[in-house]
Amino acid sequence: MPINDARNHTEWIKSIKNTIGEYNLIFTNDELTEKLFKEDGAEVLNVPLQDRNELSATEVRKRLELDKEWESLVTPEIAQYLKEINAVERMKSIV
């Protein structure tokens, strides 16, 4: 979901709330984003980055689109979810 940039940090947080609604948990590895959301009262969790050269959403989408092996790039739970929503067919239909 795209979030428009804003002139200042306060407006940016408001823009996010207006776009996605209220929240209480944020996942980020960006220090400024973490600081801003903590100041706004949200719990912030850092997500450990894995091998980013190999594990990337871009690579997963590309493999889904080309109907190549993609399951090794995601957790079993995500693989199951992507199968349930017919991700291969969905990717092929939007490209």
PDB file of N, CA and C in Angstrom:
ATOM      1  N   MET A   1       0.848  -1.160   0.000  1.00  0.00           N
ATOM      2  CA  MET A   1       0.000   0.000   0.000  1.00  0.00           C
ATOM      3  C   MET A   1       0.901   1.233   0.000  1.00  0.00           C
ATOM      4  N   PRO A   2       0.829   2.072  -1.028  1.00  0.00           N
ATOM      5  CA  PRO A   2       1.691   3.254  -1.070  1.00  0.00           C
ATOM      6  C   PRO A   2       1.244   4.310  -0.064  1.00  0.00           C
ATOM      7  N   ILE A   3       2.222   4.924   0.566  1.00  0.00           N
ATOM      8  CA  ILE A   3       1.971   6.020   1.505  1.00  0.00           C
ATOM      9  C   ILE A   3       2.676   7.254   0.954  1.00  0.00           C
ATOM     10  N   ASN A   4       1.935   8.323   0.763  1.00  0.00           N
ATOM     11  CA  ASN A   4       2.532   9.552   0.251  1.00  0.00           C
ATOM     12  C   ASN A   4       3.498  10.145   1.258  1.00  0.00           C
ATOM     13  N   ASP A   5       4.526  10.807   0.730  1.00  0.00           N
ATOM     14  CA  ASP A   5       5.465  11.497   1.594  1.00  0.00           C
ATOM     15  C   ASP A   5       4.779  12.745   2.148  1.00  0.00           C
ATOM     16  N   ALA A   6       5.325  13.295   3.207  1.00  0.00           N
ATOM     17  CA  ALA A   6       4.737  14.482   3.832  1.00  0.00           C
ATOM     18  C   ALA A   6       5.841  15.490   4.124  1.00  0.00           C
ATOM     19  N   ARG A   7       5.425  16.721   4.435  1.00  0.00           N
ATOM     20  CA  ARG A   7       6.393  17.785   4.696  1.00  0.00           C
ATOM     21  C   ARG A   7       7.136  17.605   6.005  1.00  0.00           C
ATOM     22  N   ASN A   8       6.522  16.917   6.958  1.00  0.00           N
ATOM     23  CA  ASN A   8       7.207  16.697   8.235  1.00  0.00           C
ATOM     24  C   ASN A   8       6.758  15.362   8.823  1.00  0.00           C
ATOM     25  N   HIS A   9       7.446  14.954   9.869  1.00  0.00           N
ATOM     26  CA  HIS A   9       7.199  13.633  10.456  1.00  0.00           C
ATOM     27  C   HIS A   9       5.790  13.487  11.020  1.00  0.00           C
ATOM     28  N   THR A  10       5.286  14.531  11.659  1.00  0.00           N
ATOM     29  CA  THR A  10       3.943  14.467  12.242  1.00  0.00           C
ATOM     30  C   THR A  10       2.896  14.244  11.155  1.00  0.00           C
ATOM     31  N   GLU A  11       3.029  14.975  10.049  1.00  0.00           N
ATOM     32  CA  GLU A  11       2.087  14.801   8.936  1.00  0.00           C
ATOM     33  C   GLU A  11       2.205  13.403   8.334  1.00  0.00           C
ATOM     34  N   TRP A  12       3.421  12.862   8.305  1.00  0.00           N
ATOM     35  CA  TRP A  12       3.628  11.525   7.743  1.00  0.00           C
ATOM     36  C   TRP A  12       2.890  10.479   8.571  1.00  0.00           C
ATOM     37  N   ILE A  13       3.011  10.570   9.898  1.00  0.00           N
ATOM     38  CA  ILE A  13       2.307   9.637  10.783  1.00  0.00           C
ATOM     39  C   ILE A  13       0.791   9.782  10.593  1.00  0.00           C
ATOM     40  N   LYS A  14       0.299  11.022  10.521  1.00  0.00           N
ATOM     41  CA  LYS A  14      -1.134  11.251  10.300  1.00  0.00           C
ATOM     42  C   LYS A  14      -1.583  10.661   8.964  1.00  0.00           C
ATOM     43  N   SER A  15      -0.748  10.812   7.939  1.00  0.00           N
ATOM     44  CA  SER A  15      -1.072  10.270   6.619  1.00  0.00           C
ATOM     45  C   SER A  15      -1.212   8.752   6.676  1.00  0.00           C
ATOM     46  N   ILE A  16      -0.327   8.113   7.419  1.00  0.00           N
ATOM     47  CA  ILE A  16      -0.398   6.656   7.557  1.00  0.00           C
ATOM     48  C   ILE A  16      -1.679   6.259   8.278  1.00  0.00           C
ATOM     49  N   LYS A  17      -1.998   6.956   9.366  1.00  0.00           N
ATOM     50  CA  LYS A  17      -3.236   6.648  10.100  1.00  0.00           C
ATOM     51  C   LYS A  17      -4.464   6.839   9.213  1.00  0.00           C
ATOM     52  N   ASN A  18      -4.460   7.899   8.406  1.00  0.00           N
ATOM     53  CA  ASN A  18      -5.595   8.144   7.514  1.00  0.00           C
ATOM     54  C   ASN A  18      -5.708   7.075   6.438  1.00  0.00           C
ATOM     55  N   THR A  19      -4.576   6.520   6.032  1.00  0.00           N
ATOM     56  CA  THR A  19      -4.572   5.518   4.970  1.00  0.00           C
ATOM     57  C   THR A  19      -4.937   4.133   5.478  1.00  0.00           C
ATOM     58  N   ILE A  20      -4.328   3.726   6.599  1.00  0.00           N
ATOM     59  CA  ILE A  20      -4.534   2.348   7.061  1.00  0.00           C
ATOM     60  C   ILE A  20      -5.383   2.236   8.312  1.00  0.00           C
ATOM     61  N   GLY A  21      -5.682   3.347   8.940  1.00  0.00           N
ATOM     62  CA  GLY A  21      -6.455   3.301  10.175  1.00  0.00           C
ATOM     63  C   GLY A  21      -5.553   3.162  11.388  1.00  0.00           C
ATOM     64  N   GLU A  22      -6.148   2.916  12.522  1.00  0.00           N
ATOM     65  CA  GLU A  22      -5.378   2.794  13.767  1.00  0.00           C
ATOM     66  C   GLU A  22      -4.530   1.528  13.758  1.00  0.00           C
ATOM     67  N   TYR A  23      -3.468   1.557  14.488  1.00  0.00           N
ATOM     68  CA  TYR A  23      -2.551   0.430  14.584  1.00  0.00           C
ATOM     69  C   TYR A  23      -1.970   0.417  15.988  1.00  0.00           C
ATOM     70  N   ASN A  24      -1.402  -0.711  16.377  1.00  0.00           N
ATOM     71  CA  ASN A  24      -0.710  -0.757  17.667  1.00  0.00           C
ATOM     72  C   ASN A  24       0.615  -1.491  17.570  1.00  0.00           C
ATOM     73  N   LEU A  25       0.927  -2.044  16.391  1.00  0.00           N
ATOM     74  CA  LEU A  25       2.179  -2.768  16.212  1.00  0.00           C
ATOM     75  C   LEU A  25       2.755  -2.442  14.847  1.00  0.00           C
ATOM     76  N   ILE A  26       4.028  -2.073  14.837  1.00  0.00           N
ATOM     77  CA  ILE A  26       4.721  -1.703  13.604  1.00  0.00           C
ATOM     78  C   ILE A  26       5.962  -2.575  13.469  1.00  0.00           C
ATOM     79  N   PHE A  27       6.218  -3.067  12.263  1.00  0.00           N
ATOM     80  CA  PHE A  27       7.436  -3.819  11.968  1.00  0.00           C
ATOM     81  C   PHE A  27       8.328  -2.948  11.097  1.00  0.00           C
ATOM     82  N   THR A  28       9.556  -2.692  11.542  1.00  0.00           N
ATOM     83  CA  THR A  28      10.495  -1.896  10.756  1.00  0.00           C
ATOM     84  C   THR A  28      11.916  -2.163  11.225  1.00  0.00           C
ATOM     85  N   ASN A  29      12.856  -1.897  10.348  1.00  0.00           N
ATOM     86  CA  ASN A  29      14.264  -1.919  10.713  1.00  0.00           C
ATOM     87  C   ASN A  29      14.873  -0.534  10.560  1.00  0.00           C
ATOM     88  N   ASP A  30      14.047   0.439  10.255  1.00  0.00           N
ATOM     89  CA  ASP A  30      14.507   1.808  10.069  1.00  0.00           C
ATOM     90  C   ASP A  30      14.448   2.556  11.402  1.00  0.00           C
ATOM     91  N   GLU A  31      15.579   3.127  11.831  1.00  0.00           N
ATOM     92  CA  GLU A  31      15.647   3.771  13.148  1.00  0.00           C
ATOM     93  C   GLU A  31      14.704   4.961  13.277  1.00  0.00           C
ATOM     94  N   LEU A  32      14.617   5.801  12.243  1.00  0.00           N
ATOM     95  CA  LEU A  32      13.731   6.963  12.326  1.00  0.00           C
ATOM     96  C   LEU A  32      12.275   6.525  12.392  1.00  0.00           C
ATOM     97  N   THR A  33      11.897   5.569  11.562  1.00  0.00           N
ATOM     98  CA  THR A  33      10.523   5.060  11.586  1.00  0.00           C
ATOM     99  C   THR A  33      10.201   4.488  12.956  1.00  0.00           C
ATOM    100  N   GLU A  34      11.131   3.736  13.522  1.00  0.00           N
ATOM    101  CA  GLU A  34      10.934   3.170  14.859  1.00  0.00           C
ATOM    102  C   GLU A  34      10.708   4.276  15.884  1.00  0.00           C
ATOM    103  N   LYS A  35      11.549   5.296  15.855  1.00  0.00           N
ATOM    104  CA  LYS A  35      11.439   6.414  16.808  1.00  0.00           C
ATOM    105  C   LYS A  35      10.082   7.113  16.672  1.00  0.00           C
ATOM    106  N   LEU A  36       9.673   7.410  15.450  1.00  0.00           N
ATOM    107  CA  LEU A  36       8.419   8.136  15.226  1.00  0.00           C
ATOM    108  C   LEU A  36       7.207   7.347  15.708  1.00  0.00           C
ATOM    109  N   PHE A  37       7.178   6.062  15.422  1.00  0.00           N
ATOM    110  CA  PHE A  37       6.027   5.264  15.830  1.00  0.00           C
ATOM    111  C   PHE A  37       6.015   5.016  17.330  1.00  0.00           C
ATOM    112  N   LYS A  38       7.180   4.862  17.932  1.00  0.00           N
ATOM    113  CA  LYS A  38       7.221   4.716  19.393  1.00  0.00           C
ATOM    114  C   LYS A  38       6.711   5.988  20.055  1.00  0.00           C
ATOM    115  N   GLU A  39       7.113   7.139  19.529  1.00  0.00           N
ATOM    116  CA  GLU A  39       6.620   8.412  20.066  1.00  0.00           C
ATOM    117  C   GLU A  39       5.111   8.523  19.916  1.00  0.00           C
ATOM    118  N   ASP A  40       4.556   7.866  18.905  1.00  0.00           N
ATOM    119  CA  ASP A  40       3.112   7.889  18.681  1.00  0.00           C
ATOM    120  C   ASP A  40       2.386   6.836  19.514  1.00  0.00           C
ATOM    121  N   GLY A  41       3.147   6.049  20.280  1.00  0.00           N
ATOM    122  CA  GLY A  41       2.536   5.086  21.187  1.00  0.00           C
ATOM    123  C   GLY A  41       2.440   3.665  20.670  1.00  0.00           C
ATOM    124  N   ALA A  42       3.002   3.402  19.501  1.00  0.00           N
ATOM    125  CA  ALA A  42       2.926   2.051  18.937  1.00  0.00           C
ATOM    126  C   ALA A  42       4.064   1.188  19.459  1.00  0.00           C
ATOM    127  N   GLU A  43       3.801  -0.107  19.540  1.00  0.00           N
ATOM    128  CA  GLU A  43       4.867  -1.061  19.805  1.00  0.00           C
ATOM    129  C   GLU A  43       5.589  -1.289  18.478  1.00  0.00           C
ATOM    130  N   VAL A  44       6.915  -1.301  18.512  1.00  0.00           N
ATOM    131  CA  VAL A  44       7.699  -1.478  17.292  1.00  0.00           C
ATOM    132  C   VAL A  44       8.583  -2.702  17.439  1.00  0.00           C
ATOM    133  N   LEU A  45       8.523  -3.583  16.450  1.00  0.00           N
ATOM    134  CA  LEU A  45       9.370  -4.770  16.436  1.00  0.00           C
ATOM    135  C   LEU A  45      10.315  -4.701  15.249  1.00  0.00           C
ATOM    136  N   ASN A  46      11.575  -5.017  15.506  1.00  0.00           N
ATOM    137  CA  ASN A  46      12.552  -5.117  14.427  1.00  0.00           C
ATOM    138  C   ASN A  46      12.507  -6.527  13.870  1.00  0.00           C
ATOM    139  N   VAL A  47      12.624  -6.624  12.567  1.00  0.00           N
ATOM    140  CA  VAL A  47      12.590  -7.910  11.891  1.00  0.00           C
ATOM    141  C   VAL A  47      14.001  -8.222  11.412  1.00  0.00           C
ATOM    142  N   PRO A  48      14.575  -9.331  11.878  1.00  0.00           N
ATOM    143  CA  PRO A  48      15.926  -9.647  11.416  1.00  0.00           C
ATOM    144  C   PRO A  48      15.939  -9.887   9.909  1.00  0.00           C
ATOM    145  N   LEU A  49      16.895  -9.257   9.252  1.00  0.00           N
ATOM    146  CA  LEU A  49      17.016  -9.426   7.809  1.00  0.00           C
ATOM    147  C   LEU A  49      17.769 -10.710   7.514  1.00  0.00           C
ATOM    148  N   GLN A  50      17.275 -11.437   6.566  1.00  0.00           N
ATOM    149  CA  GLN A  50      17.907 -12.678   6.143  1.00  0.00           C
ATOM    150  C   GLN A  50      18.811 -12.377   4.951  1.00  0.00           C
ATOM    151  N   ASP A  51      19.184 -13.370   4.218  1.00  0.00           N
ATOM    152  CA  ASP A  51      20.028 -13.209   3.039  1.00  0.00           C
ATOM    153  C   ASP A  51      19.248 -12.434   1.980  1.00  0.00           C
ATOM    154  N   ARG A  52      19.426 -11.113   1.948  1.00  0.00           N
ATOM    155  CA  ARG A  52      18.615 -10.266   1.083  1.00  0.00           C
ATOM    156  C   ARG A  52      18.912 -10.459  -0.398  1.00  0.00           C
ATOM    157  N   ASN A  53      20.098 -10.989  -0.733  1.00  0.00           N
ATOM    158  CA  ASN A  53      20.381 -11.253  -2.147  1.00  0.00           C
ATOM    159  C   ASN A  53      19.532 -12.408  -2.655  1.00  0.00           C
ATOM    160  N   GLU A  54      19.229 -13.321  -1.782  1.00  0.00           N
ATOM    161  CA  GLU A  54      18.473 -14.519  -2.153  1.00  0.00           C
ATOM    162  C   GLU A  54      16.997 -14.388  -1.787  1.00  0.00           C
ATOM    163  N   LEU A  55      16.716 -13.801  -0.626  1.00  0.00           N
ATOM    164  CA  LEU A  55      15.348 -13.734  -0.117  1.00  0.00           C
ATOM    165  C   LEU A  55      14.797 -12.325  -0.310  1.00  0.00           C
ATOM    166  N   SER A  56      14.026 -12.145  -1.350  1.00  0.00           N
ATOM    167  CA  SER A  56      13.450 -10.824  -1.595  1.00  0.00           C
ATOM    168  C   SER A  56      12.061 -10.985  -2.187  1.00  0.00           C
ATOM    169  N   ALA A  57      11.195 -10.063  -1.845  1.00  0.00           N
ATOM    170  CA  ALA A  57       9.834 -10.102  -2.382  1.00  0.00           C
ATOM    171  C   ALA A  57       9.857  -9.967  -3.898  1.00  0.00           C
ATOM    172  N   THR A  58      10.803  -9.176  -4.412  1.00  0.00           N
ATOM    173  CA  THR A  58      10.916  -9.016  -5.862  1.00  0.00           C
ATOM    174  C   THR A  58      11.198 -10.360  -6.522  1.00  0.00           C
ATOM    175  N   GLU A  59      12.114 -11.118  -5.935  1.00  0.00           N
ATOM    176  CA  GLU A  59      12.448 -12.433  -6.492  1.00  0.00           C
ATOM    177  C   GLU A  59      11.264 -13.389  -6.386  1.00  0.00           C
ATOM    178  N   VAL A  60      10.551 -13.349  -5.270  1.00  0.00           N
ATOM    179  CA  VAL A  60       9.375 -14.210  -5.113  1.00  0.00           C
ATOM    180  C   VAL A  60       8.339 -13.867  -6.180  1.00  0.00           C
ATOM    181  N   ARG A  61       8.049 -12.577  -6.364  1.00  0.00           N
ATOM    182  CA  ARG A  61       7.066 -12.171  -7.379  1.00  0.00           C
ATOM    183  C   ARG A  61       7.497 -12.602  -8.779  1.00  0.00           C
ATOM    184  N   LYS A  62       8.789 -12.424  -9.080  1.00  0.00           N
ATOM    185  CA  LYS A  62       9.295 -12.813 -10.400  1.00  0.00           C
ATOM    186  C   LYS A  62       9.106 -14.309 -10.633  1.00  0.00           C
ATOM    187  N   ARG A  63       9.439 -15.104  -9.631  1.00  0.00           N
ATOM    188  CA  ARG A  63       9.295 -16.555  -9.780  1.00  0.00           C
ATOM    189  C   ARG A  63       7.825 -16.970  -9.864  1.00  0.00           C
ATOM    190  N   LEU A  64       6.968 -16.305  -9.107  1.00  0.00           N
ATOM    191  CA  LEU A  64       5.536 -16.599  -9.209  1.00  0.00           C
ATOM    192  C   LEU A  64       5.053 -16.321 -10.628  1.00  0.00           C
ATOM    193  N   GLU A  65       5.441 -15.165 -11.142  1.00  0.00           N
ATOM    194  CA  GLU A  65       5.019 -14.767 -12.486  1.00  0.00           C
ATOM    195  C   GLU A  65       5.496 -15.759 -13.543  1.00  0.00           C
ATOM    196  N   LEU A  66       6.737 -16.233 -13.406  1.00  0.00           N
ATOM    197  CA  LEU A  66       7.319 -17.144 -14.394  1.00  0.00           C
ATOM    198  C   LEU A  66       7.009 -18.608 -14.094  1.00  0.00           C
ATOM    199  N   ASP A  67       6.246 -18.843 -13.032  1.00  0.00           N
ATOM    200  CA  ASP A  67       5.880 -20.193 -12.597  1.00  0.00           C
ATOM    201  C   ASP A  67       7.123 -21.052 -12.337  1.00  0.00           C
ATOM    202  N   LYS A  68       8.120 -20.426 -11.698  1.00  0.00           N
ATOM    203  CA  LYS A  68       9.341 -21.137 -11.300  1.00  0.00           C
ATOM    204  C   LYS A  68       9.270 -21.437  -9.810  1.00  0.00           C
ATOM    205  N   GLU A  69      10.186 -22.271  -9.321  1.00  0.00           N
ATOM    206  CA  GLU A  69      10.205 -22.653  -7.906  1.00  0.00           C
ATOM    207  C   GLU A  69      10.388 -21.410  -7.032  1.00  0.00           C
ATOM    208  N   TRP A  70       9.484 -21.217  -6.081  1.00  0.00           N
ATOM    209  CA  TRP A  70       9.528 -20.047  -5.203  1.00  0.00           C
ATOM    210  C   TRP A  70       9.393 -20.425  -3.732  1.00  0.00           C
ATOM    211  N   GLU A  71       8.924 -21.625  -3.451  1.00  0.00           N
ATOM    212  CA  GLU A  71       8.602 -22.010  -2.074  1.00  0.00           C
ATOM    213  C   GLU A  71       9.809 -21.990  -1.145  1.00  0.00           C
ATOM    214  N   SER A  72      11.006 -22.221  -1.683  1.00  0.00           N
ATOM    215  CA  SER A  72      12.198 -22.216  -0.826  1.00  0.00           C
ATOM    216  C   SER A  72      12.553 -20.812  -0.350  1.00  0.00           C
ATOM    217  N   LEU A  73      11.930 -19.792  -0.942  1.00  0.00           N
ATOM    218  CA  LEU A  73      12.230 -18.405  -0.590  1.00  0.00           C
ATOM    219  C   LEU A  73      11.335 -17.853   0.514  1.00  0.00           C
ATOM    220  N   VAL A  74      10.356 -18.634   0.949  1.00  0.00           N
ATOM    221  CA  VAL A  74       9.420 -18.157   1.972  1.00  0.00           C
ATOM    222  C   VAL A  74       9.241 -19.231   3.040  1.00  0.00           C
ATOM    223  N   THR A  75       8.656 -18.835   4.149  1.00  0.00           N
ATOM    224  CA  THR A  75       8.374 -19.804   5.207  1.00  0.00           C
ATOM    225  C   THR A  75       7.241 -20.730   4.759  1.00  0.00           C
ATOM    226  N   PRO A  76       7.116 -21.900   5.376  1.00  0.00           N
ATOM    227  CA  PRO A  76       6.016 -22.805   5.010  1.00  0.00           C
ATOM    228  C   PRO A  76       4.640 -22.149   5.158  1.00  0.00           C
ATOM    229  N   GLU A  77       4.478 -21.313   6.173  1.00  0.00           N
ATOM    230  CA  GLU A  77       3.182 -20.648   6.390  1.00  0.00           C
ATOM    231  C   GLU A  77       2.865 -19.690   5.244  1.00  0.00           C
ATOM    232  N   ILE A  78       3.868 -18.943   4.800  1.00  0.00           N
ATOM    233  CA  ILE A  78       3.662 -18.013   3.686  1.00  0.00           C
ATOM    234  C   ILE A  78       3.407 -18.790   2.399  1.00  0.00           C
ATOM    235  N   ALA A  79       4.136 -19.872   2.192  1.00  0.00           N
ATOM    236  CA  ALA A  79       3.917 -20.701   1.001  1.00  0.00           C
ATOM    237  C   ALA A  79       2.473 -21.200   0.961  1.00  0.00           C
ATOM    238  N   GLN A  80       1.980 -21.677   2.088  1.00  0.00           N
ATOM    239  CA  GLN A  80       0.599 -22.164   2.164  1.00  0.00           C
ATOM    240  C   GLN A  80      -0.389 -21.050   1.832  1.00  0.00           C
ATOM    241  N   TYR A  81      -0.170 -19.872   2.410  1.00  0.00           N
ATOM    242  CA  TYR A  81      -1.053 -18.734   2.154  1.00  0.00           C
ATOM    243  C   TYR A  81      -1.038 -18.359   0.671  1.00  0.00           C
ATOM    244  N   LEU A  82       0.160 -18.281   0.073  1.00  0.00           N
ATOM    245  CA  LEU A  82       0.248 -17.912  -1.339  1.00  0.00           C
ATOM    246  C   LEU A  82      -0.460 -18.931  -2.227  1.00  0.00           C
ATOM    247  N   LYS A  83      -0.406 -20.189  -1.845  1.00  0.00           N
ATOM    248  CA  LYS A  83      -1.142 -21.214  -2.594  1.00  0.00           C
ATOM    249  C   LYS A  83      -2.649 -21.017  -2.434  1.00  0.00           C
ATOM    250  N   GLU A  84      -3.077 -20.727  -1.206  1.00  0.00           N
ATOM    251  CA  GLU A  84      -4.510 -20.544  -0.939  1.00  0.00           C
ATOM    252  C   GLU A  84      -5.099 -19.398  -1.744  1.00  0.00           C
ATOM    253  N   ILE A  85      -4.321 -18.349  -1.968  1.00  0.00           N
ATOM    254  CA  ILE A  85      -4.839 -17.196  -2.712  1.00  0.00           C
ATOM    255  C   ILE A  85      -4.509 -17.268  -4.206  1.00  0.00           C
ATOM    256  N   ASN A  86      -3.995 -18.426  -4.639  1.00  0.00           N
ATOM    257  CA  ASN A  86      -3.648 -18.617  -6.058  1.00  0.00           C
ATOM    258  C   ASN A  86      -2.686 -17.544  -6.559  1.00  0.00           C
ATOM    259  N   ALA A  87      -1.606 -17.354  -5.829  1.00  0.00           N
ATOM    260  CA  ALA A  87      -0.652 -16.286  -6.124  1.00  0.00           C
ATOM    261  C   ALA A  87      -0.032 -16.406  -7.514  1.00  0.00           C
ATOM    262  N   VAL A  88       0.239 -17.622  -7.969  1.00  0.00           N
ATOM    263  CA  VAL A  88       0.838 -17.784  -9.302  1.00  0.00           C
ATOM    264  C   VAL A  88      -0.101 -17.208 -10.358  1.00  0.00           C
ATOM    265  N   GLU A  89      -1.354 -17.594 -10.319  1.00  0.00           N
ATOM    266  CA  GLU A  89      -2.327 -17.097 -11.296  1.00  0.00           C
ATOM    267  C   GLU A  89      -2.531 -15.588 -11.155  1.00  0.00           C
ATOM    268  N   ARG A  90      -2.560 -15.115  -9.921  1.00  0.00           N
ATOM    269  CA  ARG A  90      -2.745 -13.678  -9.697  1.00  0.00           C
ATOM    270  C   ARG A  90      -1.589 -12.878 -10.277  1.00  0.00           C
ATOM    271  N   MET A  91      -0.357 -13.347 -10.070  1.00  0.00           N
ATOM    272  CA  MET A  91       0.802 -12.635 -10.613  1.00  0.00           C
ATOM    273  C   MET A  91       0.770 -12.639 -12.135  1.00  0.00           C
ATOM    274  N   LYS A  92       0.430 -13.759 -12.719  1.00  0.00           N
ATOM    275  CA  LYS A  92       0.372 -13.839 -14.180  1.00  0.00           C
ATOM    276  C   LYS A  92      -0.693 -12.902 -14.744  1.00  0.00           C
ATOM    277  N   SER A  93      -1.772 -12.695 -14.008  1.00  0.00           N
ATOM    278  CA  SER A  93      -2.870 -11.871 -14.518  1.00  0.00           C
ATOM    279  C   SER A  93      -2.598 -10.373 -14.425  1.00  0.00           C
ATOM    280  N   ILE A  94      -1.637  -9.966 -13.591  1.00  0.00           N
ATOM    281  CA  ILE A  94      -1.402  -8.522 -13.446  1.00  0.00           C
ATOM    282  C   ILE A  94      -0.153  -8.042 -14.170  1.00  0.00           C
ATOM    283  N   VAL A  95       0.606  -8.961 -14.748  1.00  0.00           N
ATOM    284  CA  VAL A  95       1.817  -8.528 -15.455  1.00  0.00           C
ATOM    285  C   VAL A  95       1.621  -8.529 -16.936  1.00  0.00           C
TER     286      VAL A  95
END
